[in-house]
Each structure stands twice: as C-alpha cells, then as structure tokens.
Amino acid sequence: MAAAAAWLMLPLALLLGSPAGETAAAAGLPQDAEFTFLLPAGRRECFYQAAPGNGSMEVEYQVIGGAGLDVDFSLESPSGALLIDEYRTSDGVHTVEPTESGDYKLCFDNSFSTISEKLVFFELIFDSPQDDEDLNHWAEVAEPEEMLDIKIEDIKESIETMKSRLERSIQMQALLRAFEARDRNLQEHNLSRVNFWSAVNLTVLLLVSFLQVYLLKSLFEDKRRFWT
C-alpha cells in the first residue's frame, strides 16, 4: 500500500516522458498529459508543470470516485499569483492564455474529508506559439519562386484545423473515460448497498418464517396436552 501511494504522488513532470511526446520534448515544448491518482482523506496534493511564455494551457479535472465526488482545486502561476481557487467541486475546465514562462502549481485538496478518499482525473493541454513559428518557417522554405495553384497558407490552415480537431477528439475521449469510470464506481457502490439490504431482508424473512412455524407448533402441542 505504501508503495502504491508513493507511486501516485510522483510529480507530474516525471509522467510526461511517454514515447508519444518525444518530439515535443526534443523541441523543448511541453506535451499534453493526463493523470489519475488517489487523494487520501485529509490530504492535499500539488503538481508542478513547466509552461512556455505566451502560449496556452488548458486544465481539466474531474473527481471520478469517492463520497461526495468533490475536492478543492487551485492553480497558481509561476509568479505566485492565484489564478483559480474552487471549493467542493466535482469537475472543472480552465484555460490560461497567455501563459507565463515557468512552473505552474496545481493543487487538489481533500482536507475537508476525514474518512473518504477521492479518485481524481486531470488533463493538461498545451498550445505553444512556437508551433506557428515552425509552420511559418516551413512555409518560407517550401515556397517556390513560381506561383502555385494551391497556396501554402491554405495548406497550413488545413493542417492547423486538423490538429485542433484531433486534439479536441483526444480530449473528449479522455473525458468520456473519466465519466465512465465515475459511473462504474457509482454502480459498484449501489450494487454493494443492494446486496447488503437484500441479505438483511432475506435474514428477516427467514427469521419470521422460523418464528411462525415455532408458534404454530407450540399451539398444537398445548392443545394436545389439554385434551389428555
């Protein structure tokens, strides 16, 4: 249990080394990431994520398990300014634009709960202006001297549209997985409650049946003794 808790408390920066983000890491850009962790009762967990300047960062979170399905959430800028401060919420979507260059601090607080631990999912989506600079540089290199029927700007616009739609589809899939996990946890909790009360009702039914049989047997035995 201690080893699992230690794994869940790893900094977010260590979780961003997936093979899908090797190109972004090589370019010095942050990559999109998603993370699910267990927040114990009475605890506050914070994560740090580096962000480039003059970019865009979108933060989405959702509580998918635990009593009440709520946590406190806060987001601080690299300069220490409190950008977002929410209390007892189950989910949220926030966009920071433009971003400051440095480490942003994301905190999830479950200190108001003394018993119930919470299962929290959150996702970070980045949009760096350096992508536009790379596209402009590529357009300048690829532009031939003669006029083309299809302009490079049209190609760039199509690529940007496709990129934004793919990012949005990935984001929606992650949210759907979070919703599915939350619904599954609720169903399992309700199933345990139904099984418990069914067992109680069955026990009461058997007890009442036994008492009825015993009382009827006692009445017949008293009647026979009276006539003898």
C-alpha atoms as a PDB file:
ATOM      1  CA  MET A   1       0.000   0.000   0.000  1.00  0.00           C
ATOM      2  CA  ALA A   2       2.826   2.379   0.823  1.00  0.00           C
ATOM      3  CA  ALA A   3       4.498   1.640  -2.488  1.00  0.00           C
ATOM      4  CA  ALA A   4       1.268   2.360  -4.376  1.00  0.00           C
ATOM      5  CA  ALA A   5       0.784   5.636  -2.536  1.00  0.00           C
ATOM      6  CA  ALA A   6       4.348   6.676  -3.308  1.00  0.00           C
ATOM      7  CA  TRP A   7       3.782   5.943  -6.984  1.00  0.00           C
ATOM      8  CA  LEU A   8       0.628   8.030  -7.054  1.00  0.00           C
ATOM      9  CA  MET A   9       2.450  11.022  -5.541  1.00  0.00           C
ATOM     10  CA  LEU A  10       5.064  11.248  -8.297  1.00  0.00           C
ATOM     11  CA  PRO A  11       5.445  14.772  -9.732  1.00  0.00           C
ATOM     12  CA  LEU A  12       3.648  15.351 -12.952  1.00  0.00           C
ATOM     13  CA  ALA A  13       6.895  16.222 -14.684  1.00  0.00           C
ATOM     14  CA  LEU A  14       8.009  12.585 -14.335  1.00  0.00           C
ATOM     15  CA  LEU A  15       4.847  11.404 -16.064  1.00  0.00           C
ATOM     16  CA  LEU A  16       5.421  13.414 -19.210  1.00  0.00           C
ATOM     17  CA  GLY A  17       8.106  11.163 -20.671  1.00  0.00           C
ATOM     18  CA  SER A  18       5.866   8.967 -22.771  1.00  0.00           C
ATOM     19  CA  PRO A  19       7.039   7.936 -26.265  1.00  0.00           C
ATOM     20  CA  ALA A  20       4.224   9.977 -27.825  1.00  0.00           C
ATOM     21  CA  GLY A  21       5.855  13.175 -26.625  1.00  0.00           C
ATOM     22  CA  GLU A  22       9.468  12.584 -27.629  1.00  0.00           C
ATOM     23  CA  THR A  23       9.250  15.083 -30.499  1.00  0.00           C
ATOM     24  CA  ALA A  24       7.810  17.808 -28.269  1.00  0.00           C
ATOM     25  CA  ALA A  25      10.371  17.088 -25.573  1.00  0.00           C
ATOM     26  CA  ALA A  26      13.191  17.312 -28.068  1.00  0.00           C
ATOM     27  CA  ALA A  27      11.889  20.702 -29.183  1.00  0.00           C
ATOM     28  CA  GLY A  28      11.712  21.937 -25.598  1.00  0.00           C
ATOM     29  CA  LEU A  29       7.901  22.176 -25.659  1.00  0.00           C
ATOM     30  CA  PRO A  30       5.511  20.754 -23.032  1.00  0.00           C
ATOM     31  CA  GLN A  31       3.358  17.876 -24.156  1.00  0.00           C
ATOM     32  CA  ASP A  32      -0.257  17.095 -23.372  1.00  0.00           C
ATOM     33  CA  ALA A  33      -0.756  14.727 -20.463  1.00  0.00           C
ATOM     34  CA  GLU A  34      -3.460  13.053 -18.414  1.00  0.00           C
ATOM     35  CA  PHE A  35      -3.171  11.551 -14.951  1.00  0.00           C
ATOM     36  CA  THR A  36      -5.404   9.705 -12.480  1.00  0.00           C
ATOM     37  CA  PHE A  37      -4.401   9.498  -8.818  1.00  0.00           C
ATOM     38  CA  LEU A  38      -5.836   8.624  -5.413  1.00  0.00           C
ATOM     39  CA  LEU A  39      -6.172  11.565  -2.989  1.00  0.00           C
ATOM     40  CA  PRO A  40      -6.338  10.314   0.631  1.00  0.00           C
ATOM     41  CA  ALA A  41      -8.711  11.804   3.174  1.00  0.00           C
ATOM     42  CA  GLY A  42      -7.364  14.889   4.929  1.00  0.00           C
ATOM     43  CA  ARG A  43      -4.575  15.339   2.375  1.00  0.00           C
ATOM     44  CA  ARG A  44      -3.553  17.975  -0.181  1.00  0.00           C
ATOM     45  CA  GLU A  45      -1.532  17.038  -3.252  1.00  0.00           C
ATOM     46  CA  CYS A  46       0.198  19.516  -5.603  1.00  0.00           C
ATOM     47  CA  PHE A  47       1.752  19.029  -9.029  1.00  0.00           C
ATOM     48  CA  TYR A  48       4.127  21.299 -10.955  1.00  0.00           C
ATOM     49  CA  GLN A  49       4.159  21.701 -14.722  1.00  0.00           C
ATOM     50  CA  ALA A  50       6.511  23.854 -16.791  1.00  0.00           C
ATOM     51  CA  ALA A  51       4.916  26.019 -19.484  1.00  0.00           C
ATOM     52  CA  PRO A  52       6.388  28.295 -22.175  1.00  0.00           C
ATOM     53  CA  GLY A  53       5.682  32.004 -22.328  1.00  0.00           C
ATOM     54  CA  ASN A  54       2.887  33.472 -24.450  1.00  0.00           C
ATOM     55  CA  GLY A  55       1.301  30.089 -25.002  1.00  0.00           C
ATOM     56  CA  SER A  56      -1.985  28.483 -23.993  1.00  0.00           C
ATOM     57  CA  MET A  57      -2.647  25.889 -21.288  1.00  0.00           C
ATOM     58  CA  GLU A  58      -5.965  24.165 -20.665  1.00  0.00           C
ATOM     59  CA  VAL A  59      -6.576  22.315 -17.387  1.00  0.00           C
ATOM     60  CA  GLU A  60      -9.438  19.867 -16.972  1.00  0.00           C
ATOM     61  CA  TYR A  61     -10.159  17.791 -13.872  1.00  0.00           C
ATOM     62  CA  GLN A  62     -12.901  15.523 -12.582  1.00  0.00           C
ATOM     63  CA  VAL A  63     -13.493  13.541  -9.387  1.00  0.00           C
ATOM     64  CA  ILE A  64     -14.443  10.037 -10.529  1.00  0.00           C
ATOM     65  CA  GLY A  65     -14.541   8.217  -7.197  1.00  0.00           C
ATOM     66  CA  GLY A  66     -15.174   8.767  -3.500  1.00  0.00           C
ATOM     67  CA  ALA A  67     -18.028  10.022  -1.330  1.00  0.00           C
ATOM     68  CA  GLY A  68     -19.426  13.346  -2.491  1.00  0.00           C
ATOM     69  CA  LEU A  69     -17.298  13.391  -5.665  1.00  0.00           C
ATOM     70  CA  ASP A  70     -15.807  16.783  -4.733  1.00  0.00           C
ATOM     71  CA  VAL A  71     -12.415  18.349  -3.985  1.00  0.00           C
ATOM     72  CA  ASP A  72     -10.903  21.817  -3.605  1.00  0.00           C
ATOM     73  CA  PHE A  73      -8.822  22.943  -6.595  1.00  0.00           C
ATOM     74  CA  SER A  74      -6.351  25.788  -7.006  1.00  0.00           C
ATOM     75  CA  LEU A  75      -3.976  26.917  -9.751  1.00  0.00           C
ATOM     76  CA  GLU A  76      -1.027  29.263  -9.212  1.00  0.00           C
ATOM     77  CA  SER A  77       1.109  30.982 -11.821  1.00  0.00           C
ATOM     78  CA  PRO A  78       4.940  30.842 -11.793  1.00  0.00           C
ATOM     79  CA  SER A  79       4.948  34.319 -10.213  1.00  0.00           C
ATOM     80  CA  GLY A  80       2.807  33.067  -7.316  1.00  0.00           C
ATOM     81  CA  ALA A  81      -0.497  34.650  -8.389  1.00  0.00           C
ATOM     82  CA  LEU A  82      -3.598  32.617  -7.526  1.00  0.00           C
ATOM     83  CA  LEU A  83      -5.396  32.168 -10.843  1.00  0.00           C
ATOM     84  CA  ILE A  84      -8.131  29.700  -9.839  1.00  0.00           C
ATOM     85  CA  ASP A  85      -9.489  28.793  -6.416  1.00  0.00           C
ATOM     86  CA  GLU A  86     -12.518  26.454  -6.278  1.00  0.00           C
ATOM     87  CA  TYR A  87     -14.166  24.754  -3.292  1.00  0.00           C
ATOM     88  CA  ARG A  88     -16.040  21.438  -3.159  1.00  0.00           C
ATOM     89  CA  THR A  89     -16.357  20.972  -6.932  1.00  0.00           C
ATOM     90  CA  SER A  90     -16.606  17.709  -8.857  1.00  0.00           C
ATOM     91  CA  ASP A  91     -15.133  18.913 -12.172  1.00  0.00           C
ATOM     92  CA  GLY A  92     -13.797  21.976 -13.948  1.00  0.00           C
ATOM     93  CA  VAL A  93     -12.282  23.248 -17.200  1.00  0.00           C
ATOM     94  CA  HIS A  94      -9.932  26.262 -17.165  1.00  0.00           C
ATOM     95  CA  THR A  95      -7.793  27.932 -19.822  1.00  0.00           C
ATOM     96  CA  VAL A  96      -4.741  30.093 -19.112  1.00  0.00           C
ATOM     97  CA  GLU A  97      -3.795  32.362 -22.014  1.00  0.00           C
ATOM     98  CA  PRO A  98      -1.234  33.763 -22.438  1.00  0.00           C
ATOM     99  CA  THR A  99       0.912  31.647 -20.141  1.00  0.00           C
ATOM    100  CA  GLU A 100       3.911  32.791 -18.135  1.00  0.00           C
ATOM    101  CA  SER A 101       7.237  31.098 -18.609  1.00  0.00           C
ATOM    102  CA  GLY A 102       7.857  28.856 -15.593  1.00  0.00           C
ATOM    103  CA  ASP A 103       6.266  26.190 -13.393  1.00  0.00           C
ATOM    104  CA  TYR A 104       2.529  26.272 -12.749  1.00  0.00           C
ATOM    105  CA  LYS A 105       1.267  24.767  -9.497  1.00  0.00           C
ATOM    106  CA  LEU A 106      -1.887  22.621  -9.499  1.00  0.00           C
ATOM    107  CA  CYS A 107      -3.267  21.582  -6.091  1.00  0.00           C
ATOM    108  CA  PHE A 108      -6.095  19.218  -5.155  1.00  0.00           C
ATOM    109  CA  ASP A 109      -7.275  19.426  -1.548  1.00  0.00           C
ATOM    110  CA  ASN A 110      -9.289  16.762   0.300  1.00  0.00           C
ATOM    111  CA  SER A 111      -8.555  18.031   3.810  1.00  0.00           C
ATOM    112  CA  PHE A 112     -12.252  18.723   4.474  1.00  0.00           C
ATOM    113  CA  SER A 113     -12.933  14.966   4.313  1.00  0.00           C
ATOM    114  CA  THR A 114     -11.877  12.899   7.321  1.00  0.00           C
ATOM    115  CA  ILE A 115     -12.883   9.463   6.020  1.00  0.00           C
ATOM    116  CA  SER A 116     -13.408   9.295   2.258  1.00  0.00           C
ATOM    117  CA  GLU A 117     -10.532   9.226  -0.218  1.00  0.00           C
ATOM    118  CA  LYS A 118     -11.075  10.612  -3.733  1.00  0.00           C
ATOM    119  CA  LEU A 119     -10.069   9.339  -7.140  1.00  0.00           C
ATOM    120  CA  VAL A 120      -9.140  12.357  -9.290  1.00  0.00           C
ATOM    121  CA  PHE A 121      -8.503  12.583 -13.028  1.00  0.00           C
ATOM    122  CA  PHE A 122      -6.946  15.630 -14.659  1.00  0.00           C
ATOM    123  CA  GLU A 123      -5.569  16.545 -18.075  1.00  0.00           C
ATOM    124  CA  LEU A 124      -3.271  19.271 -19.399  1.00  0.00           C
ATOM    125  CA  ILE A 125      -3.448  20.509 -22.993  1.00  0.00           C
ATOM    126  CA  PHE A 126      -0.857  22.947 -24.364  1.00  0.00           C
ATOM    127  CA  ASP A 127      -0.844  25.144 -27.428  1.00  0.00           C
ATOM    128  CA  SER A 128       2.519  26.817 -27.924  1.00  0.00           C
ATOM    129  CA  PRO A 129       3.102  29.745 -30.267  1.00  0.00           C
ATOM    130  CA  GLN A 130       6.312  28.066 -31.364  1.00  0.00           C
ATOM    131  CA  ASP A 131       4.187  25.720 -33.466  1.00  0.00           C
ATOM    132  CA  ASP A 132       3.062  28.681 -35.570  1.00  0.00           C
ATOM    133  CA  GLU A 133       6.663  29.837 -35.928  1.00  0.00           C
ATOM    134  CA  ASP A 134       7.676  26.404 -37.163  1.00  0.00           C
ATOM    135  CA  LEU A 135       4.867  26.410 -39.701  1.00  0.00           C
ATOM    136  CA  ASN A 136       5.831  29.870 -40.934  1.00  0.00           C
ATOM    137  CA  HIS A 137       9.438  28.767 -41.290  1.00  0.00           C
ATOM    138  CA  TRP A 138       8.349  25.670 -43.179  1.00  0.00           C
ATOM    139  CA  ALA A 139       6.184  27.796 -45.479  1.00  0.00           C
ATOM    140  CA  GLU A 140       9.079  30.123 -46.264  1.00  0.00           C
ATOM    141  CA  VAL A 141      11.384  27.217 -47.145  1.00  0.00           C
ATOM    142  CA  ALA A 142       8.806  25.347 -49.203  1.00  0.00           C
ATOM    143  CA  GLU A 143       7.515  28.346 -51.143  1.00  0.00           C
ATOM    144  CA  PRO A 144       8.802  28.101 -54.747  1.00  0.00           C
ATOM    145  CA  GLU A 145       9.558  31.080 -56.917  1.00  0.00           C
ATOM    146  CA  GLU A 146       6.655  30.485 -59.291  1.00  0.00           C
ATOM    147  CA  MET A 147       3.040  30.868 -58.226  1.00  0.00           C
ATOM    148  CA  LEU A 148       1.239  27.703 -57.186  1.00  0.00           C
ATOM    149  CA  ASP A 149      -2.407  26.884 -57.684  1.00  0.00           C
ATOM    150  CA  ILE A 150      -2.681  25.809 -54.025  1.00  0.00           C
ATOM    151  CA  LYS A 151      -1.182  28.338 -51.652  1.00  0.00           C
ATOM    152  CA  ILE A 152       0.998  27.315 -48.743  1.00  0.00           C
ATOM    153  CA  GLU A 153      -1.282  29.322 -46.471  1.00  0.00           C
ATOM    154  CA  ASP A 154      -4.212  27.097 -47.381  1.00  0.00           C
ATOM    155  CA  ILE A 155      -2.180  24.005 -46.577  1.00  0.00           C
ATOM    156  CA  LYS A 156      -1.093  25.489 -43.275  1.00  0.00           C
ATOM    157  CA  GLU A 157      -4.686  26.364 -42.384  1.00  0.00           C
ATOM    158  CA  SER A 158      -5.819  22.823 -43.176  1.00  0.00           C
ATOM    159  CA  ILE A 159      -3.057  21.361 -41.020  1.00  0.00           C
ATOM    160  CA  GLU A 160      -3.945  23.640 -38.114  1.00  0.00           C
ATOM    161  CA  THR A 161      -7.641  22.737 -38.394  1.00  0.00           C
ATOM    162  CA  MET A 162      -6.852  19.036 -38.460  1.00  0.00           C
ATOM    163  CA  LYS A 163      -4.530  19.410 -35.478  1.00  0.00           C
ATOM    164  CA  SER A 164      -7.138  21.238 -33.387  1.00  0.00           C
ATOM    165  CA  ARG A 165      -9.819  18.677 -34.214  1.00  0.00           C
ATOM    166  CA  LEU A 166      -7.541  15.766 -33.327  1.00  0.00           C
ATOM    167  CA  GLU A 167      -6.625  17.397 -30.025  1.00  0.00           C
ATOM    168  CA  ARG A 168     -10.288  18.005 -29.265  1.00  0.00           C
ATOM    169  CA  SER A 169     -11.191  14.388 -30.076  1.00  0.00           C
ATOM    170  CA  ILE A 170      -8.432  13.124 -27.752  1.00  0.00           C
ATOM    171  CA  GLN A 171      -9.702  15.462 -25.058  1.00  0.00           C
ATOM    172  CA  MET A 172     -13.305  14.255 -25.436  1.00  0.00           C
ATOM    173  CA  GLN A 173     -12.202  10.617 -25.304  1.00  0.00           C
ATOM    174  CA  ALA A 174     -10.331  11.263 -22.069  1.00  0.00           C
ATOM    175  CA  LEU A 175     -13.393  12.957 -20.559  1.00  0.00           C
ATOM    176  CA  LEU A 176     -15.636  10.092 -21.654  1.00  0.00           C
ATOM    177  CA  ARG A 177     -13.276   7.632 -19.968  1.00  0.00           C
ATOM    178  CA  ALA A 178     -13.457   9.719 -16.804  1.00  0.00           C
ATOM    179  CA  PHE A 179     -17.266   9.780 -16.919  1.00  0.00           C
ATOM    180  CA  GLU A 180     -17.328   6.023 -17.496  1.00  0.00           C
ATOM    181  CA  ALA A 181     -15.053   5.424 -14.510  1.00  0.00           C
ATOM    182  CA  ARG A 182     -17.212   7.621 -12.277  1.00  0.00           C
ATOM    183  CA  ASP A 183     -20.424   5.870 -13.362  1.00  0.00           C
ATOM    184  CA  ARG A 184     -18.829   2.475 -12.824  1.00  0.00           C
ATOM    185  CA  ASN A 185     -17.804   3.432  -9.292  1.00  0.00           C
ATOM    186  CA  LEU A 186     -21.337   4.613  -8.521  1.00  0.00           C
ATOM    187  CA  GLN A 187     -22.841   1.412  -9.903  1.00  0.00           C
ATOM    188  CA  GLU A 188     -20.484  -0.750  -7.850  1.00  0.00           C
ATOM    189  CA  HIS A 189     -21.341   1.250  -4.735  1.00  0.00           C
ATOM    190  CA  ASN A 190     -25.073   0.898  -5.390  1.00  0.00           C
ATOM    191  CA  LEU A 191     -24.652  -2.816  -6.080  1.00  0.00           C
ATOM    192  CA  SER A 192     -22.976  -3.340  -2.698  1.00  0.00           C
ATOM    193  CA  ARG A 193     -25.818  -1.477  -0.978  1.00  0.00           C
ATOM    194  CA  VAL A 194     -28.457  -3.539  -2.807  1.00  0.00           C
ATOM    195  CA  ASN A 195     -26.690  -6.784  -1.872  1.00  0.00           C
ATOM    196  CA  PHE A 196     -26.447  -5.714   1.762  1.00  0.00           C
ATOM    197  CA  TRP A 197     -30.127  -4.831   2.146  1.00  0.00           C
ATOM    198  CA  SER A 198     -31.172  -7.920   0.203  1.00  0.00           C
ATOM    199  CA  ALA A 199     -29.223 -10.042   2.675  1.00  0.00           C
ATOM    200  CA  VAL A 200     -30.885  -8.188   5.574  1.00  0.00           C
ATOM    201  CA  ASN A 201     -34.360  -8.720   4.117  1.00  0.00           C
ATOM    202  CA  LEU A 202     -33.648 -12.393   3.477  1.00  0.00           C
ATOM    203  CA  THR A 203     -32.441 -12.845   7.062  1.00  0.00           C
ATOM    204  CA  VAL A 204     -35.566 -11.148   8.450  1.00  0.00           C
ATOM    205  CA  LEU A 205     -37.784 -13.259   6.190  1.00  0.00           C
ATOM    206  CA  LEU A 206     -36.173 -16.491   7.371  1.00  0.00           C
ATOM    207  CA  LEU A 207     -36.395 -15.393  10.996  1.00  0.00           C
ATOM    208  CA  VAL A 208     -40.099 -14.544  10.693  1.00  0.00           C
ATOM    209  CA  SER A 209     -40.780 -17.862   8.970  1.00  0.00           C
ATOM    210  CA  PHE A 210     -38.990 -19.748  11.732  1.00  0.00           C
ATOM    211  CA  LEU A 211     -40.947 -17.891  14.411  1.00  0.00           C
ATOM    212  CA  GLN A 212     -44.260 -18.613  12.696  1.00  0.00           C
ATOM    213  CA  VAL A 213     -43.511 -22.324  12.443  1.00  0.00           C
ATOM    214  CA  TYR A 214     -42.383 -22.404  16.061  1.00  0.00           C
ATOM    215  CA  LEU A 215     -45.527 -20.622  17.309  1.00  0.00           C
ATOM    216  CA  LEU A 216     -47.843 -22.895  15.335  1.00  0.00           C
ATOM    217  CA  LYS A 217     -46.060 -25.938  16.647  1.00  0.00           C
ATOM    218  CA  SER A 218     -46.335 -24.627  20.196  1.00  0.00           C
ATOM    219  CA  LEU A 219     -50.103 -24.053  19.829  1.00  0.00           C
ATOM    220  CA  PHE A 220     -50.736 -27.586  18.598  1.00  0.00           C
ATOM    221  CA  GLU A 221     -48.636 -29.085  21.388  1.00  0.00           C
ATOM    222  CA  ASP A 222     -50.596 -27.139  24.075  1.00  0.00           C
ATOM    223  CA  LYS A 223     -53.918 -28.301  22.616  1.00  0.00           C
ATOM    224  CA  ARG A 224     -52.959 -31.985  22.762  1.00  0.00           C
ATOM    225  CA  ARG A 225     -51.819 -31.688  26.356  1.00  0.00           C
ATOM    226  CA  PHE A 226     -55.141 -30.035  27.325  1.00  0.00           C
ATOM    227  CA  TRP A 227     -57.262 -32.925  25.988  1.00  0.00           C
ATOM    228  CA  THR A 228     -55.127 -35.637  27.597  1.00  0.00           C
END
